[in-house]
Amino acid sequence: MDANHHIWRIWADRLHMWGVDDLTATLLEALGPLTTLGAQFVYLGQPLLSWGTPDGHLDALAHMLENSAETREFVDYLREKNKL
Protein backbone atom coordinates (compact mmCIF):
# COMPACT_ATOMS: atom_id res chain seq x y z
CA MET A 1 0.00 0.00 0.00
CA ASP A 2 1.24 3.43 -0.89
CA ALA A 3 2.45 5.61 1.94
CA ASN A 4 -0.11 8.28 1.08
CA HIS A 5 -3.21 6.09 1.21
CA HIS A 6 -3.84 7.04 4.84
CA ILE A 7 -4.01 10.68 3.65
CA TRP A 8 -6.38 9.67 0.86
CA ARG A 9 -8.77 8.27 3.47
CA ILE A 10 -8.77 11.63 5.26
CA TRP A 11 -9.42 13.47 1.99
CA ALA A 12 -12.17 11.06 0.95
CA ASP A 13 -13.90 11.41 4.33
CA ARG A 14 -13.81 15.21 4.13
CA LEU A 15 -14.94 15.32 0.51
CA HIS A 16 -17.80 12.96 1.37
CA MET A 17 -18.72 15.08 4.40
CA TRP A 18 -18.88 18.17 2.17
CA GLY A 19 -20.82 16.26 -0.49
CA VAL A 20 -18.29 16.84 -3.26
CA ASP A 21 -16.60 13.44 -3.50
CA ASP A 22 -18.36 12.46 -6.74
CA LEU A 23 -17.76 15.92 -8.23
CA THR A 24 -14.07 15.72 -7.32
CA ALA A 25 -13.75 12.29 -8.95
CA THR A 26 -15.47 13.57 -12.09
CA LEU A 27 -13.22 16.63 -12.26
CA LEU A 28 -10.08 14.56 -11.82
CA GLU A 29 -11.20 12.27 -14.64
CA ALA A 30 -12.13 15.17 -16.91
CA LEU A 31 -8.88 17.05 -16.35
CA GLY A 32 -6.77 14.07 -17.40
CA PRO A 33 -3.26 15.24 -18.30
CA LEU A 34 -3.92 18.71 -16.90
CA THR A 35 -3.60 17.29 -13.39
CA THR A 36 0.18 17.40 -13.91
CA LEU A 37 -0.12 21.16 -14.29
CA GLY A 38 -2.20 21.21 -11.10
CA ALA A 39 0.63 19.39 -9.32
CA GLN A 40 3.03 22.14 -10.35
CA PHE A 41 0.68 24.78 -8.92
CA VAL A 42 0.56 22.85 -5.65
CA TYR A 43 4.36 22.71 -5.53
CA LEU A 44 4.62 26.45 -6.26
CA GLY A 45 1.89 27.34 -3.79
CA GLN A 46 3.21 25.31 -0.88
CA PRO A 47 4.63 28.31 0.99
CA LEU A 48 1.19 29.95 1.01
CA LEU A 49 -0.91 26.81 1.41
CA SER A 50 1.15 25.00 4.02
CA TRP A 51 0.05 27.11 7.00
CA GLY A 52 -3.43 25.57 7.01
CA THR A 53 -2.60 22.09 5.81
CA PRO A 54 -1.36 19.10 7.85
CA ASP A 55 2.22 17.97 7.21
CA GLY A 56 2.59 15.82 4.15
CA HIS A 57 -0.82 16.52 2.64
CA LEU A 58 0.37 18.99 0.00
CA ASP A 59 3.22 16.70 -1.03
CA ALA A 60 0.77 13.80 -1.24
CA LEU A 61 -1.63 15.88 -3.35
CA ALA A 62 1.08 17.01 -5.75
CA HIS A 63 2.44 13.48 -6.04
CA MET A 64 -1.02 12.07 -6.73
CA LEU A 65 -1.76 14.73 -9.35
CA GLU A 66 1.50 14.27 -11.25
CA ASN A 67 1.15 10.49 -11.42
CA SER A 68 -1.75 9.50 -13.68
CA ALA A 69 -1.91 5.96 -12.26
CA GLU A 70 -2.24 7.33 -8.72
CA THR A 71 -4.84 9.86 -9.85
CA ARG A 72 -6.87 7.01 -11.39
CA GLU A 73 -6.44 4.98 -8.21
CA PHE A 74 -7.66 7.89 -6.07
CA VAL A 75 -10.66 8.41 -8.35
CA ASP A 76 -11.48 4.71 -8.04
CA TYR A 77 -11.09 4.98 -4.26
CA LEU A 78 -13.50 7.93 -4.15
CA ARG A 79 -16.03 6.14 -6.33
CA GLU A 80 -15.80 2.96 -4.23
CA LYS A 81 -16.08 4.89 -0.95
CA ASN A 82 -19.11 6.72 -2.38
CA LYS A 83 -20.87 3.35 -2.89
CA LEU A 84 -20.58 2.44 0.79
PDB file of N, CA and C in Angstrom:
ATOM      1  N   MET A   1       0.845  -1.188   0.000  1.00  0.00           N
ATOM      2  CA  MET A   1       0.000   0.000   0.000  1.00  0.00           C
ATOM      3  C   MET A   1       0.882   1.240   0.000  1.00  0.00           C
ATOM      4  N   ASP A   2       0.487   2.187  -0.785  1.00  0.00           N
ATOM      5  CA  ASP A   2       1.236   3.429  -0.894  1.00  0.00           C
ATOM      6  C   ASP A   2       1.234   4.184   0.426  1.00  0.00           C
ATOM      7  N   ALA A   3       2.307   4.880   0.676  1.00  0.00           N
ATOM      8  CA  ALA A   3       2.446   5.607   1.945  1.00  0.00           C
ATOM      9  C   ALA A   3       1.402   6.705   2.110  1.00  0.00           C
ATOM     10  N   ASN A   4       0.845   7.181   1.006  1.00  0.00           N
ATOM     11  CA  ASN A   4      -0.113   8.284   1.078  1.00  0.00           C
ATOM     12  C   ASN A   4      -1.566   7.836   1.172  1.00  0.00           C
ATOM     13  N   HIS A   5      -1.817   6.557   1.171  1.00  0.00           N
ATOM     14  CA  HIS A   5      -3.208   6.092   1.210  1.00  0.00           C
ATOM     15  C   HIS A   5      -3.920   6.479   2.508  1.00  0.00           C
ATOM     16  N   HIS A   6      -3.189   6.594   3.600  1.00  0.00           N
ATOM     17  CA  HIS A   6      -3.840   7.043   4.836  1.00  0.00           C
ATOM     18  C   HIS A   6      -4.312   8.501   4.686  1.00  0.00           C
ATOM     19  N   ILE A   7      -3.590   9.291   3.915  1.00  0.00           N
ATOM     20  CA  ILE A   7      -4.006  10.675   3.647  1.00  0.00           C
ATOM     21  C   ILE A   7      -5.213  10.675   2.723  1.00  0.00           C
ATOM     22  N   TRP A   8      -5.237   9.766   1.760  1.00  0.00           N
ATOM     23  CA  TRP A   8      -6.384   9.671   0.856  1.00  0.00           C
ATOM     24  C   TRP A   8      -7.666   9.401   1.632  1.00  0.00           C
ATOM     25  N   ARG A   9      -7.571   8.559   2.661  1.00  0.00           N
ATOM     26  CA  ARG A   9      -8.768   8.267   3.474  1.00  0.00           C
ATOM     27  C   ARG A   9      -9.284   9.546   4.140  1.00  0.00           C
ATOM     28  N   ILE A  10      -8.372  10.363   4.627  1.00  0.00           N
ATOM     29  CA  ILE A  10      -8.769  11.630   5.255  1.00  0.00           C
ATOM     30  C   ILE A  10      -9.445  12.522   4.224  1.00  0.00           C
ATOM     31  N   TRP A  11      -8.835  12.646   3.046  1.00  0.00           N
ATOM     32  CA  TRP A  11      -9.424  13.475   1.988  1.00  0.00           C
ATOM     33  C   TRP A  11     -10.801  12.957   1.594  1.00  0.00           C
ATOM     34  N   ALA A  12     -10.900  11.650   1.383  1.00  0.00           N
ATOM     35  CA  ALA A  12     -12.167  11.056   0.954  1.00  0.00           C
ATOM     36  C   ALA A  12     -13.260  11.296   1.995  1.00  0.00           C
ATOM     37  N   ASP A  13     -12.911  11.161   3.267  1.00  0.00           N
ATOM     38  CA  ASP A  13     -13.897  11.410   4.331  1.00  0.00           C
ATOM     39  C   ASP A  13     -14.372  12.865   4.309  1.00  0.00           C
ATOM     40  N   ARG A  14     -13.439  13.790   4.154  1.00  0.00           N
ATOM     41  CA  ARG A  14     -13.811  15.210   4.132  1.00  0.00           C
ATOM     42  C   ARG A  14     -14.620  15.552   2.890  1.00  0.00           C
ATOM     43  N   LEU A  15     -14.194  15.054   1.743  1.00  0.00           N
ATOM     44  CA  LEU A  15     -14.937  15.317   0.512  1.00  0.00           C
ATOM     45  C   LEU A  15     -16.351  14.753   0.599  1.00  0.00           C
ATOM     46  N   HIS A  16     -16.482  13.566   1.195  1.00  0.00           N
ATOM     47  CA  HIS A  16     -17.805  12.964   1.370  1.00  0.00           C
ATOM     48  C   HIS A  16     -18.646  13.797   2.340  1.00  0.00           C
ATOM     49  N   MET A  17     -18.019  14.269   3.415  1.00  0.00           N
ATOM     50  CA  MET A  17     -18.724  15.084   4.400  1.00  0.00           C
ATOM     51  C   MET A  17     -19.263  16.366   3.755  1.00  0.00           C
ATOM     52  N   TRP A  18     -18.472  16.941   2.850  1.00  0.00           N
ATOM     53  CA  TRP A  18     -18.883  18.174   2.169  1.00  0.00           C
ATOM     54  C   TRP A  18     -19.797  17.902   0.977  1.00  0.00           C
ATOM     55  N   GLY A  19     -19.949  16.630   0.615  1.00  0.00           N
ATOM     56  CA  GLY A  19     -20.822  16.257  -0.492  1.00  0.00           C
ATOM     57  C   GLY A  19     -20.237  16.510  -1.865  1.00  0.00           C
ATOM     58  N   VAL A  20     -18.915  16.554  -1.965  1.00  0.00           N
ATOM     59  CA  VAL A  20     -18.285  16.841  -3.258  1.00  0.00           C
ATOM     60  C   VAL A  20     -17.350  15.707  -3.710  1.00  0.00           C
ATOM     61  N   ASP A  21     -17.482  14.535  -3.124  1.00  0.00           N
ATOM     62  CA  ASP A  21     -16.600  13.438  -3.498  1.00  0.00           C
ATOM     63  C   ASP A  21     -16.819  12.987  -4.935  1.00  0.00           C
ATOM     64  N   ASP A  22     -18.072  12.872  -5.364  1.00  0.00           N
ATOM     65  CA  ASP A  22     -18.356  12.464  -6.736  1.00  0.00           C
ATOM     66  C   ASP A  22     -17.935  13.554  -7.721  1.00  0.00           C
ATOM     67  N   LEU A  23     -18.181  14.805  -7.380  1.00  0.00           N
ATOM     68  CA  LEU A  23     -17.762  15.925  -8.226  1.00  0.00           C
ATOM     69  C   LEU A  23     -16.245  15.951  -8.371  1.00  0.00           C
ATOM     70  N   THR A  24     -15.529  15.735  -7.279  1.00  0.00           N
ATOM     71  CA  THR A  24     -14.070  15.716  -7.319  1.00  0.00           C
ATOM     72  C   THR A  24     -13.563  14.597  -8.225  1.00  0.00           C
ATOM     73  N   ALA A  25     -14.145  13.413  -8.102  1.00  0.00           N
ATOM     74  CA  ALA A  25     -13.747  12.290  -8.953  1.00  0.00           C
ATOM     75  C   ALA A  25     -14.001  12.613 -10.423  1.00  0.00           C
ATOM     76  N   THR A  26     -15.138  13.205 -10.710  1.00  0.00           N
ATOM     77  CA  THR A  26     -15.472  13.565 -12.086  1.00  0.00           C
ATOM     78  C   THR A  26     -14.501  14.603 -12.636  1.00  0.00           C
ATOM     79  N   LEU A  27     -14.170  15.608 -11.823  1.00  0.00           N
ATOM     80  CA  LEU A  27     -13.223  16.635 -12.262  1.00  0.00           C
ATOM     81  C   LEU A  27     -11.836  16.049 -12.509  1.00  0.00           C
ATOM     82  N   LEU A  28     -11.384  15.182 -11.627  1.00  0.00           N
ATOM     83  CA  LEU A  28     -10.076  14.565 -11.821  1.00  0.00           C
ATOM     84  C   LEU A  28     -10.043  13.737 -13.102  1.00  0.00           C
ATOM     85  N   GLU A  29     -11.127  13.041 -13.402  1.00  0.00           N
ATOM     86  CA  GLU A  29     -11.201  12.268 -14.639  1.00  0.00           C
ATOM     87  C   GLU A  29     -11.220  13.186 -15.854  1.00  0.00           C
ATOM     88  N   ALA A  30     -11.986  14.257 -15.777  1.00  0.00           N
ATOM     89  CA  ALA A  30     -12.126  15.167 -16.913  1.00  0.00           C
ATOM     90  C   ALA A  30     -10.841  15.942 -17.200  1.00  0.00           C
ATOM     91  N   LEU A  31     -10.095  16.272 -16.162  1.00  0.00           N
ATOM     92  CA  LEU A  31      -8.877  17.052 -16.350  1.00  0.00           C
ATOM     93  C   LEU A  31      -7.755  16.244 -16.989  1.00  0.00           C
ATOM     94  N   GLY A  32      -7.766  14.948 -16.772  1.00  0.00           N
ATOM     95  CA  GLY A  32      -6.775  14.071 -17.396  1.00  0.00           C
ATOM     96  C   GLY A  32      -5.354  14.574 -17.241  1.00  0.00           C
ATOM     97  N   PRO A  33      -4.662  14.827 -18.355  1.00  0.00           N
ATOM     98  CA  PRO A  33      -3.257  15.241 -18.298  1.00  0.00           C
ATOM     99  C   PRO A  33      -3.036  16.612 -17.650  1.00  0.00           C
ATOM    100  N   LEU A  34      -4.071  17.402 -17.531  1.00  0.00           N
ATOM    101  CA  LEU A  34      -3.916  18.715 -16.896  1.00  0.00           C
ATOM    102  C   LEU A  34      -3.663  18.614 -15.392  1.00  0.00           C
ATOM    103  N   THR A  35      -3.876  17.443 -14.826  1.00  0.00           N
ATOM    104  CA  THR A  35      -3.598  17.286 -13.393  1.00  0.00           C
ATOM    105  C   THR A  35      -2.119  17.476 -13.103  1.00  0.00           C
ATOM    106  N   THR A  36      -1.266  17.174 -14.086  1.00  0.00           N
ATOM    107  CA  THR A  36       0.177  17.400 -13.912  1.00  0.00           C
ATOM    108  C   THR A  36       0.454  18.886 -13.722  1.00  0.00           C
ATOM    109  N   LEU A  37      -0.245  19.716 -14.464  1.00  0.00           N
ATOM    110  CA  LEU A  37      -0.119  21.160 -14.289  1.00  0.00           C
ATOM    111  C   LEU A  37      -0.616  21.569 -12.903  1.00  0.00           C
ATOM    112  N   GLY A  38      -1.688  20.951 -12.444  1.00  0.00           N
ATOM    113  CA  GLY A  38      -2.198  21.209 -11.101  1.00  0.00           C
ATOM    114  C   GLY A  38      -1.170  20.862 -10.036  1.00  0.00           C
ATOM    115  N   ALA A  39      -0.424  19.783 -10.260  1.00  0.00           N
ATOM    116  CA  ALA A  39       0.628  19.391  -9.318  1.00  0.00           C
ATOM    117  C   ALA A  39       1.693  20.478  -9.223  1.00  0.00           C
ATOM    118  N   GLN A  40       2.021  21.079 -10.353  1.00  0.00           N
ATOM    119  CA  GLN A  40       3.029  22.139 -10.350  1.00  0.00           C
ATOM    120  C   GLN A  40       2.532  23.363  -9.570  1.00  0.00           C
ATOM    121  N   PHE A  41       1.255  23.673  -9.700  1.00  0.00           N
ATOM    122  CA  PHE A  41       0.679  24.778  -8.925  1.00  0.00           C
ATOM    123  C   PHE A  41       0.724  24.479  -7.422  1.00  0.00           C
ATOM    124  N   VAL A  42       0.484  23.235  -7.062  1.00  0.00           N
ATOM    125  CA  VAL A  42       0.556  22.849  -5.646  1.00  0.00           C
ATOM    126  C   VAL A  42       1.983  23.026  -5.140  1.00  0.00           C
ATOM    127  N   TYR A  43       2.957  22.555  -5.936  1.00  0.00           N
ATOM    128  CA  TYR A  43       4.360  22.713  -5.531  1.00  0.00           C
ATOM    129  C   TYR A  43       4.723  24.189  -5.369  1.00  0.00           C
ATOM    130  N   LEU A  44       4.303  25.015  -6.329  1.00  0.00           N
ATOM    131  CA  LEU A  44       4.620  26.448  -6.260  1.00  0.00           C
ATOM    132  C   LEU A  44       3.887  27.144  -5.121  1.00  0.00           C
ATOM    133  N   GLY A  45       2.689  26.699  -4.822  1.00  0.00           N
ATOM    134  CA  GLY A  45       1.887  27.342  -3.794  1.00  0.00           C
ATOM    135  C   GLY A  45       2.118  26.843  -2.382  1.00  0.00           C
ATOM    136  N   GLN A  46       2.990  25.874  -2.208  1.00  0.00           N
ATOM    137  CA  GLN A  46       3.207  25.305  -0.883  1.00  0.00           C
ATOM    138  C   GLN A  46       3.538  26.333   0.191  1.00  0.00           C
ATOM    139  N   PRO A  47       4.358  27.337  -0.084  1.00  0.00           N
ATOM    140  CA  PRO A  47       4.628  28.307   0.988  1.00  0.00           C
ATOM    141  C   PRO A  47       3.370  29.020   1.488  1.00  0.00           C
ATOM    142  N   LEU A  48       2.430  29.276   0.604  1.00  0.00           N
ATOM    143  CA  LEU A  48       1.188  29.948   1.006  1.00  0.00           C
ATOM    144  C   LEU A  48       0.156  28.978   1.575  1.00  0.00           C
ATOM    145  N   LEU A  49       0.116  27.780   1.030  1.00  0.00           N
ATOM    146  CA  LEU A  49      -0.910  26.806   1.408  1.00  0.00           C
ATOM    147  C   LEU A  49      -0.548  25.990   2.650  1.00  0.00           C
ATOM    148  N   SER A  50       0.719  25.914   2.965  1.00  0.00           N
ATOM    149  CA  SER A  50       1.153  25.000   4.021  1.00  0.00           C
ATOM    150  C   SER A  50       0.722  25.412   5.427  1.00  0.00           C
ATOM    151  N   TRP A  51       0.417  26.669   5.647  1.00  0.00           N
ATOM    152  CA  TRP A  51       0.051  27.107   7.000  1.00  0.00           C
ATOM    153  C   TRP A  51      -1.253  26.486   7.475  1.00  0.00           C
ATOM    154  N   GLY A  52      -2.150  26.126   6.597  1.00  0.00           N
ATOM    155  CA  GLY A  52      -3.433  25.567   7.006  1.00  0.00           C
ATOM    156  C   GLY A  52      -3.607  24.106   6.651  1.00  0.00           C
ATOM    157  N   THR A  53      -2.520  23.454   6.288  1.00  0.00           N
ATOM    158  CA  THR A  53      -2.601  22.086   5.813  1.00  0.00           C
ATOM    159  C   THR A  53      -1.702  21.186   6.662  1.00  0.00           C
ATOM    160  N   PRO A  54      -2.202  20.025   7.071  1.00  0.00           N
ATOM    161  CA  PRO A  54      -1.358  19.098   7.850  1.00  0.00           C
ATOM    162  C   PRO A  54      -0.100  18.690   7.078  1.00  0.00           C
ATOM    163  N   ASP A  55       0.948  18.396   7.815  1.00  0.00           N
ATOM    164  CA  ASP A  55       2.217  17.975   7.211  1.00  0.00           C
ATOM    165  C   ASP A  55       2.014  16.797   6.268  1.00  0.00           C
ATOM    166  N   GLY A  56       2.609  16.903   5.108  1.00  0.00           N
ATOM    167  CA  GLY A  56       2.588  15.816   4.146  1.00  0.00           C
ATOM    168  C   GLY A  56       1.424  15.825   3.187  1.00  0.00           C
ATOM    169  N   HIS A  57       0.363  16.555   3.490  1.00  0.00           N
ATOM    170  CA  HIS A  57      -0.821  16.522   2.638  1.00  0.00           C
ATOM    171  C   HIS A  57      -0.592  17.198   1.287  1.00  0.00           C
ATOM    172  N   LEU A  58       0.109  18.320   1.273  1.00  0.00           N
ATOM    173  CA  LEU A  58       0.369  18.989  -0.002  1.00  0.00           C
ATOM    174  C   LEU A  58       1.304  18.169  -0.877  1.00  0.00           C
ATOM    175  N   ASP A  59       2.322  17.576  -0.268  1.00  0.00           N
ATOM    176  CA  ASP A  59       3.217  16.705  -1.032  1.00  0.00           C
ATOM    177  C   ASP A  59       2.449  15.509  -1.594  1.00  0.00           C
ATOM    178  N   ALA A  60       1.568  14.939  -0.793  1.00  0.00           N
ATOM    179  CA  ALA A  60       0.767  13.798  -1.244  1.00  0.00           C
ATOM    180  C   ALA A  60      -0.157  14.206  -2.387  1.00  0.00           C
ATOM    181  N   LEU A  61      -0.748  15.388  -2.288  1.00  0.00           N
ATOM    182  CA  LEU A  61      -1.631  15.879  -3.346  1.00  0.00           C
ATOM    183  C   LEU A  61      -0.857  16.093  -4.637  1.00  0.00           C
ATOM    184  N   ALA A  62       0.275  16.763  -4.553  1.00  0.00           N
ATOM    185  CA  ALA A  62       1.084  17.014  -5.747  1.00  0.00           C
ATOM    186  C   ALA A  62       1.545  15.699  -6.377  1.00  0.00           C
ATOM    187  N   HIS A  63       1.985  14.779  -5.534  1.00  0.00           N
ATOM    188  CA  HIS A  63       2.441  13.478  -6.045  1.00  0.00           C
ATOM    189  C   HIS A  63       1.314  12.728  -6.736  1.00  0.00           C
ATOM    190  N   MET A  64       0.127  12.752  -6.133  1.00  0.00           N
ATOM    191  CA  MET A  64      -1.019  12.070  -6.731  1.00  0.00           C
ATOM    192  C   MET A  64      -1.400  12.713  -8.062  1.00  0.00           C
ATOM    193  N   LEU A  65      -1.377  14.038  -8.126  1.00  0.00           N
ATOM    194  CA  LEU A  65      -1.763  14.731  -9.350  1.00  0.00           C
ATOM    195  C   LEU A  65      -0.772  14.525 -10.493  1.00  0.00           C
ATOM    196  N   GLU A  66       0.514  14.404 -10.178  1.00  0.00           N
ATOM    197  CA  GLU A  66       1.499  14.269 -11.246  1.00  0.00           C
ATOM    198  C   GLU A  66       1.649  12.833 -11.734  1.00  0.00           C
ATOM    199  N   ASN A  67       1.057  11.888 -11.041  1.00  0.00           N
ATOM    200  CA  ASN A  67       1.149  10.485 -11.424  1.00  0.00           C
ATOM    201  C   ASN A  67      -0.242  10.022 -11.861  1.00  0.00           C
ATOM    202  N   SER A  68      -0.420   9.825 -13.159  1.00  0.00           N
ATOM    203  CA  SER A  68      -1.751   9.496 -13.683  1.00  0.00           C
ATOM    204  C   SER A  68      -2.304   8.192 -13.116  1.00  0.00           C
ATOM    205  N   ALA A  69      -1.436   7.225 -12.845  1.00  0.00           N
ATOM    206  CA  ALA A  69      -1.911   5.963 -12.265  1.00  0.00           C
ATOM    207  C   ALA A  69      -2.443   6.185 -10.855  1.00  0.00           C
ATOM    208  N   GLU A  70      -1.763   7.033 -10.080  1.00  0.00           N
ATOM    209  CA  GLU A  70      -2.242   7.329  -8.723  1.00  0.00           C
ATOM    210  C   GLU A  70      -3.516   8.158  -8.761  1.00  0.00           C
ATOM    211  N   THR A  71      -3.614   9.075  -9.713  1.00  0.00           N
ATOM    212  CA  THR A  71      -4.843   9.859  -9.847  1.00  0.00           C
ATOM    213  C   THR A  71      -6.016   8.934 -10.131  1.00  0.00           C
ATOM    214  N   ARG A  72      -5.818   7.987 -11.055  1.00  0.00           N
ATOM    215  CA  ARG A  72      -6.871   7.015 -11.390  1.00  0.00           C
ATOM    216  C   ARG A  72      -7.225   6.173 -10.166  1.00  0.00           C
ATOM    217  N   GLU A  73      -6.213   5.781  -9.413  1.00  0.00           N
ATOM    218  CA  GLU A  73      -6.440   4.978  -8.211  1.00  0.00           C
ATOM    219  C   GLU A  73      -7.233   5.772  -7.166  1.00  0.00           C
ATOM    220  N   PHE A  74      -6.923   7.057  -7.019  1.00  0.00           N
ATOM    221  CA  PHE A  74      -7.656   7.887  -6.067  1.00  0.00           C
ATOM    222  C   PHE A  74      -9.104   8.085  -6.523  1.00  0.00           C
ATOM    223  N   VAL A  75      -9.301   8.290  -7.817  1.00  0.00           N
ATOM    224  CA  VAL A  75     -10.661   8.410  -8.351  1.00  0.00           C
ATOM    225  C   VAL A  75     -11.444   7.130  -8.068  1.00  0.00           C
ATOM    226  N   ASP A  76     -10.824   5.994  -8.322  1.00  0.00           N
ATOM    227  CA  ASP A  76     -11.481   4.712  -8.038  1.00  0.00           C
ATOM    228  C   ASP A  76     -11.797   4.580  -6.550  1.00  0.00           C
ATOM    229  N   TYR A  77     -10.873   5.027  -5.711  1.00  0.00           N
ATOM    230  CA  TYR A  77     -11.086   4.984  -4.261  1.00  0.00           C
ATOM    231  C   TYR A  77     -12.283   5.856  -3.868  1.00  0.00           C
ATOM    232  N   LEU A  78     -12.363   7.061  -4.446  1.00  0.00           N
ATOM    233  CA  LEU A  78     -13.503   7.929  -4.153  1.00  0.00           C
ATOM    234  C   LEU A  78     -14.815   7.306  -4.602  1.00  0.00           C
ATOM    235  N   ARG A  79     -14.813   6.762  -5.793  1.00  0.00           N
ATOM    236  CA  ARG A  79     -16.035   6.138  -6.329  1.00  0.00           C
ATOM    237  C   ARG A  79     -16.460   4.938  -5.461  1.00  0.00           C
ATOM    238  N   GLU A  80     -15.490   4.132  -5.052  1.00  0.00           N
ATOM    239  CA  GLU A  80     -15.798   2.959  -4.225  1.00  0.00           C
ATOM    240  C   GLU A  80     -16.313   3.400  -2.846  1.00  0.00           C
ATOM    241  N   LYS A  81     -15.669   4.396  -2.273  1.00  0.00           N
ATOM    242  CA  LYS A  81     -16.080   4.894  -0.953  1.00  0.00           C
ATOM    243  C   LYS A  81     -17.478   5.492  -1.046  1.00  0.00           C
ATOM    244  N   ASN A  82     -17.800   6.099  -2.178  1.00  0.00           N
ATOM    245  CA  ASN A  82     -19.113   6.723  -2.377  1.00  0.00           C
ATOM    246  C   ASN A  82     -20.214   5.658  -2.414  1.00  0.00           C
ATOM    247  N   LYS A  83     -19.882   4.428  -2.826  1.00  0.00           N
ATOM    248  CA  LYS A  83     -20.870   3.349  -2.894  1.00  0.00           C
ATOM    249  C   LYS A  83     -21.246   2.823  -1.507  1.00  0.00           C
ATOM    250  N   LEU A  84     -20.348   3.006  -0.551  1.00  0.00           N
ATOM    251  CA  LEU A  84     -20.585   2.442   0.790  1.00  0.00           C
ATOM    252  C   LEU A  84     -21.692   3.121   1.527  1.00  0.00           C
TER     253      LEU A  84
END
